[in-house]
């Protein structure tokens, strides 16, 4: 069972077909994973985690920690800092560059 797969895919705005092509599997397989009809093998789970920059444990619902090593308690981050990092990680490279520029400018004041 992959309770977080569909949410990850929708959050990133990609179709089942595009995800399937990126992973080298069929669109039907992605659909069946999302609808809990079949489960992927370990290699496919690993590719899914890499694709979404998360962990297998998050995809299969064993943890709520989405990012590897991501725990406010472990990283000693408050909830606002955790949210900022989560949002930053969803940005494309140009968005990350822009965010870094803004933060540096604010820090210089």
C-alpha atoms as a PDB file:
ATOM      1  CA  UNK A   1       0.000   0.000   0.000  1.00  0.00           C
ATOM      2  CA  UNK A   2       1.331   3.423  -0.983  1.00  0.00           C
ATOM      3  CA  UNK A   3      -0.902   5.934   0.815  1.00  0.00           C
ATOM      4  CA  UNK A   4       1.213   8.980  -0.043  1.00  0.00           C
ATOM      5  CA  UNK A   5       2.009   8.279  -3.692  1.00  0.00           C
ATOM      6  CA  UNK A   6      -1.033   9.927  -5.272  1.00  0.00           C
ATOM      7  CA  UNK A   7      -0.686  13.025  -3.065  1.00  0.00           C
ATOM      8  CA  UNK A   8       2.993  13.384  -4.005  1.00  0.00           C
ATOM      9  CA  UNK A   9       2.200  13.040  -7.687  1.00  0.00           C
ATOM     10  CA  UNK A  10      -0.648  15.554  -7.579  1.00  0.00           C
ATOM     11  CA  UNK A  11       1.400  17.982  -5.491  1.00  0.00           C
ATOM     12  CA  UNK A  12       4.105  18.014  -8.122  1.00  0.00           C
ATOM     13  CA  UNK A  13       1.503  18.367 -10.872  1.00  0.00           C
ATOM     14  CA  UNK A  14       2.549  15.392 -12.962  1.00  0.00           C
ATOM     15  CA  UNK A  15       0.337  12.858 -14.651  1.00  0.00           C
ATOM     16  CA  UNK A  16       0.439   9.140 -14.068  1.00  0.00           C
ATOM     17  CA  UNK A  17       1.804   8.793 -17.597  1.00  0.00           C
ATOM     18  CA  UNK A  18       4.662  11.218 -17.002  1.00  0.00           C
ATOM     19  CA  UNK A  19       5.595   9.505 -13.736  1.00  0.00           C
ATOM     20  CA  UNK A  20       5.466   6.129 -15.438  1.00  0.00           C
ATOM     21  CA  UNK A  21       7.769   7.327 -18.215  1.00  0.00           C
ATOM     22  CA  UNK A  22      10.233   8.781 -15.709  1.00  0.00           C
ATOM     23  CA  UNK A  23      10.358   5.466 -13.836  1.00  0.00           C
ATOM     24  CA  UNK A  24      10.310   3.180 -16.865  1.00  0.00           C
ATOM     25  CA  UNK A  25       7.034   1.507 -15.912  1.00  0.00           C
ATOM     26  CA  UNK A  26       3.529   1.538 -17.352  1.00  0.00           C
ATOM     27  CA  UNK A  27       0.857   4.109 -16.561  1.00  0.00           C
ATOM     28  CA  UNK A  28      -1.363   1.202 -15.554  1.00  0.00           C
ATOM     29  CA  UNK A  29       1.173   0.212 -12.889  1.00  0.00           C
ATOM     30  CA  UNK A  30       1.150   3.725 -11.424  1.00  0.00           C
ATOM     31  CA  UNK A  31      -2.651   3.646 -11.387  1.00  0.00           C
ATOM     32  CA  UNK A  32      -2.685   0.283  -9.642  1.00  0.00           C
ATOM     33  CA  UNK A  33      -0.118   1.455  -7.061  1.00  0.00           C
ATOM     34  CA  UNK A  34      -2.255   4.501  -6.290  1.00  0.00           C
ATOM     35  CA  UNK A  35      -5.448   2.453  -6.036  1.00  0.00           C
ATOM     36  CA  UNK A  36      -3.842  -0.197  -3.823  1.00  0.00           C
ATOM     37  CA  UNK A  37      -4.345  -3.000  -6.321  1.00  0.00           C
ATOM     38  CA  UNK A  38      -0.674  -3.986  -6.596  1.00  0.00           C
ATOM     39  CA  UNK A  39       2.520  -3.047  -4.816  1.00  0.00           C
ATOM     40  CA  UNK A  40       5.772  -2.122  -6.532  1.00  0.00           C
ATOM     41  CA  UNK A  41       8.965  -4.061  -6.093  1.00  0.00           C
ATOM     42  CA  UNK A  42      11.782  -2.666  -3.958  1.00  0.00           C
ATOM     43  CA  UNK A  43      13.650  -1.196  -6.936  1.00  0.00           C
ATOM     44  CA  UNK A  44      10.556   0.718  -8.056  1.00  0.00           C
ATOM     45  CA  UNK A  45       9.913   1.945  -4.505  1.00  0.00           C
ATOM     46  CA  UNK A  46      13.464   3.232  -4.379  1.00  0.00           C
ATOM     47  CA  UNK A  47      13.053   5.022  -7.732  1.00  0.00           C
ATOM     48  CA  UNK A  48       9.786   6.577  -6.501  1.00  0.00           C
ATOM     49  CA  UNK A  49      11.514   7.869  -3.366  1.00  0.00           C
ATOM     50  CA  UNK A  50      14.374   9.288  -5.430  1.00  0.00           C
ATOM     51  CA  UNK A  51      11.975  10.870  -7.912  1.00  0.00           C
ATOM     52  CA  UNK A  52      10.003  12.658  -5.197  1.00  0.00           C
ATOM     53  CA  UNK A  53      13.075  13.383  -3.039  1.00  0.00           C
ATOM     54  CA  UNK A  54      11.578  11.562  -0.085  1.00  0.00           C
ATOM     55  CA  UNK A  55      11.914   8.214   1.639  1.00  0.00           C
ATOM     56  CA  UNK A  56      10.362   4.839   0.978  1.00  0.00           C
ATOM     57  CA  UNK A  57       9.011   4.966   4.541  1.00  0.00           C
ATOM     58  CA  UNK A  58       7.080   8.149   3.711  1.00  0.00           C
ATOM     59  CA  UNK A  59       5.665   6.739   0.472  1.00  0.00           C
ATOM     60  CA  UNK A  60       4.444   3.566   2.194  1.00  0.00           C
ATOM     61  CA  UNK A  61       3.065   5.508   5.168  1.00  0.00           C
ATOM     62  CA  UNK A  62       5.451   4.293   7.866  1.00  0.00           C
ATOM     63  CA  UNK A  63       6.375   7.862   8.796  1.00  0.00           C
ATOM     64  CA  UNK A  64       4.970  11.343   8.506  1.00  0.00           C
ATOM     65  CA  UNK A  65       8.482  12.709   8.005  1.00  0.00           C
ATOM     66  CA  UNK A  66       8.515  13.506   4.339  1.00  0.00           C
ATOM     67  CA  UNK A  67      12.160  14.393   3.870  1.00  0.00           C
ATOM     68  CA  UNK A  68      15.115  12.180   4.741  1.00  0.00           C
ATOM     69  CA  UNK A  69      16.172  13.141   8.269  1.00  0.00           C
ATOM     70  CA  UNK A  70      13.260  15.586   8.416  1.00  0.00           C
ATOM     71  CA  UNK A  71      11.929  15.843  11.891  1.00  0.00           C
ATOM     72  CA  UNK A  72      11.464  19.107  13.730  1.00  0.00           C
ATOM     73  CA  UNK A  73      12.610  17.355  16.884  1.00  0.00           C
ATOM     74  CA  UNK A  74      15.725  15.818  15.312  1.00  0.00           C
ATOM     75  CA  UNK A  75      16.732  18.972  13.447  1.00  0.00           C
ATOM     76  CA  UNK A  76      15.650  21.198  16.342  1.00  0.00           C
ATOM     77  CA  UNK A  77      13.510  23.305  14.034  1.00  0.00           C
ATOM     78  CA  UNK A  78      10.341  25.012  15.109  1.00  0.00           C
ATOM     79  CA  UNK A  79       7.180  24.411  13.046  1.00  0.00           C
ATOM     80  CA  UNK A  80       7.623  27.628  11.012  1.00  0.00           C
ATOM     81  CA  UNK A  81      11.195  26.680  10.094  1.00  0.00           C
ATOM     82  CA  UNK A  82      10.092  23.190   9.150  1.00  0.00           C
ATOM     83  CA  UNK A  83       7.364  24.621   6.892  1.00  0.00           C
ATOM     84  CA  UNK A  84       9.800  27.034   5.217  1.00  0.00           C
ATOM     85  CA  UNK A  85      12.211  24.208   4.460  1.00  0.00           C
ATOM     86  CA  UNK A  86       9.372  22.030   3.147  1.00  0.00           C
ATOM     87  CA  UNK A  87       8.212  24.799   0.811  1.00  0.00           C
ATOM     88  CA  UNK A  88      11.765  25.554  -0.310  1.00  0.00           C
ATOM     89  CA  UNK A  89      12.338  21.919  -1.247  1.00  0.00           C
ATOM     90  CA  UNK A  90       9.300  22.008  -3.538  1.00  0.00           C
ATOM     91  CA  UNK A  91      10.713  24.898  -5.574  1.00  0.00           C
ATOM     92  CA  UNK A  92      12.488  24.507  -8.880  1.00  0.00           C
ATOM     93  CA  UNK A  93      16.069  25.697  -9.136  1.00  0.00           C
ATOM     94  CA  UNK A  94      15.142  29.245 -10.185  1.00  0.00           C
ATOM     95  CA  UNK A  95      12.757  29.533  -7.227  1.00  0.00           C
ATOM     96  CA  UNK A  96      15.474  28.275  -4.866  1.00  0.00           C
ATOM     97  CA  UNK A  97      17.917  30.813  -6.296  1.00  0.00           C
ATOM     98  CA  UNK A  98      15.368  33.596  -5.819  1.00  0.00           C
ATOM     99  CA  UNK A  99      14.581  32.520  -2.246  1.00  0.00           C
ATOM    100  CA  UNK A 100      18.277  32.409  -1.377  1.00  0.00           C
ATOM    101  CA  UNK A 101      18.750  35.886  -2.852  1.00  0.00           C
ATOM    102  CA  UNK A 102      15.859  37.294  -0.781  1.00  0.00           C
ATOM    103  CA  UNK A 103      17.118  35.657   2.403  1.00  0.00           C
ATOM    104  CA  UNK A 104      20.639  36.995   1.865  1.00  0.00           C
ATOM    105  CA  UNK A 105      19.255  40.497   1.243  1.00  0.00           C
ATOM    106  CA  UNK A 106      17.138  40.344   4.412  1.00  0.00           C
ATOM    107  CA  UNK A 107      20.088  39.056   6.416  1.00  0.00           C
ATOM    108  CA  UNK A 108      22.286  41.955   5.253  1.00  0.00           C
ATOM    109  CA  UNK A 109      19.903  44.539   6.728  1.00  0.00           C
END
